[in-house]
């Protein structure tokens, strides 16, 4: 008899975001929380990247007019903001005020890091993660292109690429999200293969766990070992241990509180309150511990 998975013990709070007059979120693809506990929302609208206070008061719009199809959003240890654009095929590093510091890839061109020449880049980059020495890891492969993980130095120099299309060990079918735990292990949500694959810092395969459905977004917990997963169209939010075992669950498919059309990406604040970006319901929901 299968043991029931316990409830995570979170409850939703009403819509906390106070948008300027006439402004709405588009499909919300990414969410992140900075060191000040301010919330950043990446959405597919004219105001693609917005910042809010912990109470949901609007602070500003950043990098307006830059993005084509917003996707992943991360904040590094120095407080820099990293955005992936699957439509324009680039990754942008911005400072905390929204000034662009680095661009990886060629905007508007689906390129290939394998080929010589100056046009080196991505084909639909999804997400980004950071190694202990500032190394940059980017997953790509949301559409028809090759499914890969790219590794760069902190200065943006390409180091290596691994993966490829397929179901075999070390191959991917939509490597959608990526995080690096406190031991330096790399976790990739291999969405359409319905699994999480784990690698070392050089891309060597370590292990995997099965997650039937669409495992979309990963976020590390404060202990840098456990993680939360946004489980896509099932509308589930799950807590996992470092081996991928599901320890707790909340949420469902739908349009009500703590329901999701597509639980796309996820972020935790310093108190491990949860923020879930939903591309189909055009919103970010906040979940607080009961």
Protein backbone atom coordinates (compact mmCIF):
# COMPACT_ATOMS: atom_id res chain seq x y z
CA UNK A 1 0.00 0.00 0.00
CA UNK A 2 1.39 3.37 -1.05
CA UNK A 3 1.88 5.81 1.81
CA UNK A 4 0.04 9.11 1.39
CA UNK A 5 2.24 12.17 0.82
CA UNK A 6 1.64 14.72 3.62
CA UNK A 7 0.34 18.20 2.97
CA UNK A 8 3.06 20.85 2.93
CA UNK A 9 1.18 23.00 5.43
CA UNK A 10 0.93 26.19 3.39
CA UNK A 11 -2.06 28.39 2.68
CA UNK A 12 -2.58 30.93 -0.11
CA UNK A 13 -2.93 34.63 0.60
CA UNK A 14 -5.02 37.02 -1.53
CA UNK A 15 -3.44 38.73 -4.52
CA UNK A 16 -0.70 40.81 -2.91
CA UNK A 17 0.55 42.75 -5.94
CA UNK A 18 -0.49 46.41 -6.23
CA UNK A 19 0.06 47.27 -9.88
CA UNK A 20 0.12 50.82 -11.25
CA UNK A 21 -3.11 52.08 -12.81
CA UNK A 22 -3.74 50.49 -16.17
CA UNK A 23 -1.00 47.88 -15.80
CA UNK A 24 -1.61 44.13 -15.74
CA UNK A 25 0.58 41.06 -15.67
CA UNK A 26 0.78 39.05 -18.84
CA UNK A 27 1.52 35.33 -18.62
CA UNK A 28 3.84 35.09 -15.60
CA UNK A 29 6.83 32.95 -16.50
CA UNK A 30 9.32 33.68 -13.72
CA UNK A 31 9.57 34.93 -10.14
CA UNK A 32 12.50 35.61 -7.82
CA UNK A 33 13.12 37.12 -4.37
CA UNK A 34 16.16 39.31 -3.69
CA UNK A 35 18.21 39.83 -0.52
CA UNK A 36 15.83 42.59 0.62
CA UNK A 37 12.91 40.15 0.28
CA UNK A 38 11.59 42.20 -2.64
CA UNK A 39 9.75 40.14 -5.25
CA UNK A 40 10.62 40.28 -8.95
CA UNK A 41 8.07 39.10 -11.50
CA UNK A 42 8.97 38.22 -15.09
CA UNK A 43 5.91 38.27 -17.32
CA UNK A 44 4.97 38.50 -20.98
CA UNK A 45 3.75 42.07 -21.15
CA UNK A 46 5.07 45.56 -21.89
CA UNK A 47 6.21 45.69 -18.25
CA UNK A 48 8.11 42.41 -18.50
CA UNK A 49 10.30 42.74 -15.40
CA UNK A 50 8.74 44.34 -12.32
CA UNK A 51 9.88 44.68 -8.73
CA UNK A 52 7.63 44.77 -5.66
CA UNK A 53 8.16 45.18 -1.92
CA UNK A 54 7.51 42.15 0.35
CA UNK A 55 4.00 43.56 0.86
CA UNK A 56 3.38 43.71 -2.88
CA UNK A 57 3.78 47.46 -3.42
CA UNK A 58 5.07 48.25 -6.90
CA UNK A 59 8.64 49.58 -6.94
CA UNK A 60 9.55 49.84 -10.64
CA UNK A 61 9.64 48.34 -14.11
CA UNK A 62 13.10 47.40 -15.37
CA UNK A 63 14.60 46.82 -18.84
CA UNK A 64 11.40 47.86 -20.56
CA UNK A 65 11.20 46.93 -24.24
CA UNK A 66 14.15 44.52 -24.09
CA UNK A 67 12.50 41.10 -23.97
CA UNK A 68 10.61 39.14 -26.64
CA UNK A 69 9.41 36.03 -24.78
CA UNK A 70 10.31 36.14 -21.06
CA UNK A 71 11.03 32.76 -19.53
CA UNK A 72 13.43 32.14 -16.61
CA UNK A 73 14.40 34.53 -13.80
CA UNK A 74 17.17 34.13 -11.19
CA UNK A 75 19.12 36.33 -8.77
CA UNK A 76 22.77 35.50 -8.08
CA UNK A 77 24.75 35.87 -4.85
CA UNK A 78 25.74 39.44 -5.68
CA UNK A 79 22.14 40.47 -6.29
CA UNK A 80 22.39 40.56 -10.06
CA UNK A 81 19.26 39.63 -12.02
CA UNK A 82 19.45 37.01 -14.77
CA UNK A 83 16.71 36.67 -17.39
CA UNK A 84 16.32 34.10 -20.15
CA UNK A 85 14.41 34.91 -23.33
CA UNK A 86 13.27 31.87 -25.31
CA UNK A 87 11.89 33.99 -28.14
CA UNK A 88 15.02 36.08 -28.75
CA UNK A 89 17.51 33.34 -27.75
CA UNK A 90 19.59 35.25 -25.21
CA UNK A 91 20.42 35.41 -21.51
CA UNK A 92 20.83 38.84 -19.89
CA UNK A 93 22.61 39.71 -16.65
CA UNK A 94 21.33 42.94 -15.06
CA UNK A 95 22.40 44.72 -11.90
CA UNK A 96 19.92 45.31 -9.09
CA UNK A 97 18.77 48.55 -10.77
CA UNK A 98 18.09 46.85 -14.09
CA UNK A 99 21.20 47.95 -16.02
CA UNK A 100 22.38 45.26 -18.43
CA UNK A 101 25.88 44.03 -17.52
CA UNK A 102 26.28 40.99 -19.79
CA UNK A 103 24.48 39.31 -22.67
CA UNK A 104 25.04 35.67 -23.58
CA UNK A 105 23.84 34.60 -27.01
CA UNK A 106 22.81 36.66 -30.01
CA UNK A 107 19.47 38.45 -29.68
CA UNK A 108 17.07 37.32 -32.37
CA UNK A 109 19.31 34.54 -33.68
CA UNK A 110 19.10 30.86 -32.80
CA UNK A 111 22.79 29.91 -32.80
CA UNK A 112 25.02 27.05 -31.75
CA UNK A 113 27.98 27.12 -29.34
CA UNK A 114 29.43 24.06 -31.10
CA UNK A 115 30.23 25.92 -34.31
CA UNK A 116 33.23 28.17 -34.83
CA UNK A 117 32.71 31.82 -35.62
CA UNK A 118 31.43 34.88 -33.84
CA UNK A 119 27.73 33.93 -33.93
CA UNK A 120 27.68 31.58 -30.94
CA UNK A 121 24.61 31.32 -28.81
CA UNK A 122 21.47 29.51 -27.77
CA UNK A 123 18.38 27.99 -29.27
CA UNK A 124 15.67 28.87 -26.72
CA UNK A 125 17.50 29.17 -23.36
CA UNK A 126 15.25 28.22 -20.45
CA UNK A 127 16.93 28.74 -17.09
CA UNK A 128 20.23 29.65 -15.43
CA UNK A 129 22.10 28.59 -12.28
CA UNK A 130 25.40 29.53 -10.64
CA UNK A 131 28.31 27.45 -9.39
CA UNK A 132 30.32 28.15 -6.21
CA UNK A 133 32.90 30.24 -8.10
CA UNK A 134 30.37 32.15 -10.17
CA UNK A 135 30.21 29.63 -12.99
CA UNK A 136 27.13 30.08 -15.16
CA UNK A 137 25.02 27.12 -16.28
CA UNK A 138 22.27 27.61 -18.89
CA UNK A 139 19.71 25.03 -20.01
CA UNK A 140 18.31 25.25 -23.52
CA UNK A 141 15.74 23.39 -25.56
CA UNK A 142 12.16 24.54 -25.34
CA UNK A 143 11.28 24.12 -28.96
CA UNK A 144 12.76 22.41 -32.01
CA UNK A 145 16.41 22.99 -31.16
CA UNK A 146 18.95 20.78 -29.44
CA UNK A 147 18.43 20.08 -25.72
CA UNK A 148 21.61 21.00 -23.88
CA UNK A 149 23.28 22.38 -20.77
CA UNK A 150 25.99 25.02 -21.33
CA UNK A 151 28.68 25.91 -18.80
CA UNK A 152 30.46 29.30 -18.75
CA UNK A 153 33.00 31.01 -16.56
CA UNK A 154 31.83 33.89 -14.38
CA UNK A 155 33.08 36.20 -17.15
CA UNK A 156 30.86 34.54 -19.73
CA UNK A 157 33.49 32.44 -21.52
CA UNK A 158 32.07 29.17 -22.83
CA UNK A 159 33.59 26.13 -21.08
CA UNK A 160 31.63 23.12 -22.27
CA UNK A 161 28.26 21.78 -23.40
CA UNK A 162 26.59 18.45 -22.67
CA UNK A 163 23.33 16.65 -23.35
CA UNK A 164 21.49 16.25 -26.63
CA UNK A 165 18.01 15.13 -27.60
CA UNK A 166 16.72 11.83 -26.23
CA UNK A 167 15.49 9.77 -23.30
CA UNK A 168 18.80 8.09 -22.48
CA UNK A 169 20.88 8.93 -19.42
CA UNK A 170 22.41 12.38 -19.83
CA UNK A 171 20.08 13.31 -22.71
CA UNK A 172 17.18 15.75 -22.41
CA UNK A 173 13.72 16.59 -23.67
CA UNK A 174 13.13 20.17 -22.51
CA UNK A 175 15.69 20.73 -19.73
CA UNK A 176 13.43 23.32 -18.18
CA UNK A 177 14.93 24.29 -14.82
CA UNK A 178 18.33 24.05 -13.16
CA UNK A 179 19.61 24.51 -9.59
CA UNK A 180 22.90 23.71 -7.83
CA UNK A 181 22.76 22.48 -4.25
CA UNK A 182 25.16 23.07 -1.38
CA UNK A 183 27.25 20.05 -2.40
CA UNK A 184 27.76 21.44 -5.90
CA UNK A 185 25.44 18.92 -7.55
CA UNK A 186 23.46 20.14 -10.55
CA UNK A 187 19.75 19.28 -10.71
CA UNK A 188 18.01 19.59 -14.09
CA UNK A 189 14.23 19.32 -14.41
CA UNK A 190 14.07 17.31 -17.65
CA UNK A 191 10.45 18.22 -18.21
CA UNK A 192 9.19 16.14 -21.12
CA UNK A 193 11.23 13.16 -19.94
CA UNK A 194 9.33 13.50 -16.64
CA UNK A 195 12.41 13.33 -14.44
CA UNK A 196 15.11 15.25 -12.62
CA UNK A 197 18.65 14.38 -13.65
CA UNK A 198 21.60 15.10 -11.37
CA UNK A 199 25.14 15.90 -12.57
CA UNK A 200 28.44 16.98 -11.09
CA UNK A 201 30.03 20.34 -11.93
CA UNK A 202 31.53 18.97 -15.14
CA UNK A 203 28.33 17.43 -16.45
CA UNK A 204 28.99 13.86 -15.42
CA UNK A 205 25.76 11.97 -14.71
CA UNK A 206 25.16 11.07 -11.04
CA UNK A 207 21.54 9.87 -10.69
CA UNK A 208 17.93 10.71 -11.53
CA UNK A 209 14.44 10.61 -10.05
CA UNK A 210 11.13 10.08 -11.82
CA UNK A 211 8.36 12.73 -11.67
CA UNK A 212 5.44 11.80 -13.95
CA UNK A 213 3.84 14.88 -15.49
CA UNK A 214 5.64 18.11 -16.29
CA UNK A 215 8.31 18.96 -13.69
CA UNK A 216 8.82 22.63 -14.56
CA UNK A 217 10.51 24.75 -11.90
CA UNK A 218 13.03 24.08 -9.13
CA UNK A 219 14.06 26.27 -6.18
CA UNK A 220 16.44 25.36 -3.38
CA UNK A 221 15.30 25.56 0.23
CA UNK A 222 17.36 27.51 2.75
CA UNK A 223 19.30 24.42 3.80
CA UNK A 224 20.69 24.21 0.22
CA UNK A 225 19.74 20.53 0.14
CA UNK A 226 15.96 20.19 -0.07
CA UNK A 227 14.11 21.85 -2.92
CA UNK A 228 10.64 22.88 -4.02
CA UNK A 229 9.29 21.90 -7.42
CA UNK A 230 6.53 23.52 -9.46
CA UNK A 231 4.86 20.57 -11.16
CA UNK A 232 3.50 22.24 -14.25
CA UNK A 233 0.04 21.43 -15.54
CA UNK A 234 -0.78 19.22 -12.55
CA UNK A 235 -0.72 22.41 -10.47
CA UNK A 236 1.25 20.73 -7.71
CA UNK A 237 3.92 22.27 -5.50
CA UNK A 238 6.19 19.57 -4.05
CA UNK A 239 9.04 19.47 -1.54
CA UNK A 240 11.82 17.05 -2.48
CA UNK A 241 14.85 15.72 -0.69
CA UNK A 242 18.24 15.63 -2.41
CA UNK A 243 17.41 12.22 -3.92
CA UNK A 244 14.16 13.47 -5.44
CA UNK A 245 11.83 11.83 -2.94
CA UNK A 246 8.58 13.78 -2.51
CA UNK A 247 8.22 14.82 1.14
CA UNK A 248 5.17 17.06 0.92
CA UNK A 249 2.66 18.43 -1.56
CA UNK A 250 0.12 21.20 -2.01
CA UNK A 251 -1.94 22.77 -4.80
CA UNK A 252 -4.06 21.50 -7.66
CA UNK A 253 -5.08 22.29 -11.24
CA UNK A 254 -7.57 25.13 -11.66
CA UNK A 255 -8.14 28.85 -11.32
CA UNK A 256 -8.86 29.28 -7.60
CA UNK A 257 -6.56 29.94 -4.64
CA UNK A 258 -3.56 27.59 -4.62
CA UNK A 259 -4.65 26.30 -8.02
CA UNK A 260 -2.59 26.69 -11.18
CA UNK A 261 -3.00 26.49 -14.92
CA UNK A 262 0.71 25.89 -15.28
CA UNK A 263 2.90 26.10 -12.18
CA UNK A 264 5.87 27.26 -14.26
CA UNK A 265 8.61 28.58 -11.97
CA UNK A 266 8.90 28.95 -8.22
CA UNK A 267 10.84 31.04 -5.68
CA UNK A 268 11.26 31.05 -1.90
CA UNK A 269 11.89 34.01 0.38
CA UNK A 270 14.07 33.93 3.50
CA UNK A 271 11.16 32.50 5.53
CA UNK A 272 10.52 29.85 2.87
CA UNK A 273 7.24 31.41 1.89
CA UNK A 274 6.54 30.32 -1.67
CA UNK A 275 5.86 32.32 -4.84
CA UNK A 276 4.56 30.47 -7.91
CA UNK A 277 4.54 31.96 -11.41
CA UNK A 278 1.60 30.72 -13.49
CA UNK A 279 1.79 31.21 -17.26
CA UNK A 280 -1.82 30.20 -17.97
CA UNK A 281 -3.58 32.10 -15.15
CA UNK A 282 -1.37 35.20 -15.66
CA UNK A 283 -0.47 35.61 -12.00
CA UNK A 284 1.97 34.91 -9.20
CA UNK A 285 0.52 33.35 -6.06
CA UNK A 286 2.03 33.57 -2.58
CA UNK A 287 1.83 30.65 -0.17
CA UNK A 288 2.61 31.12 3.54
CA UNK A 289 3.22 28.54 6.26
CA UNK A 290 0.16 27.84 8.37
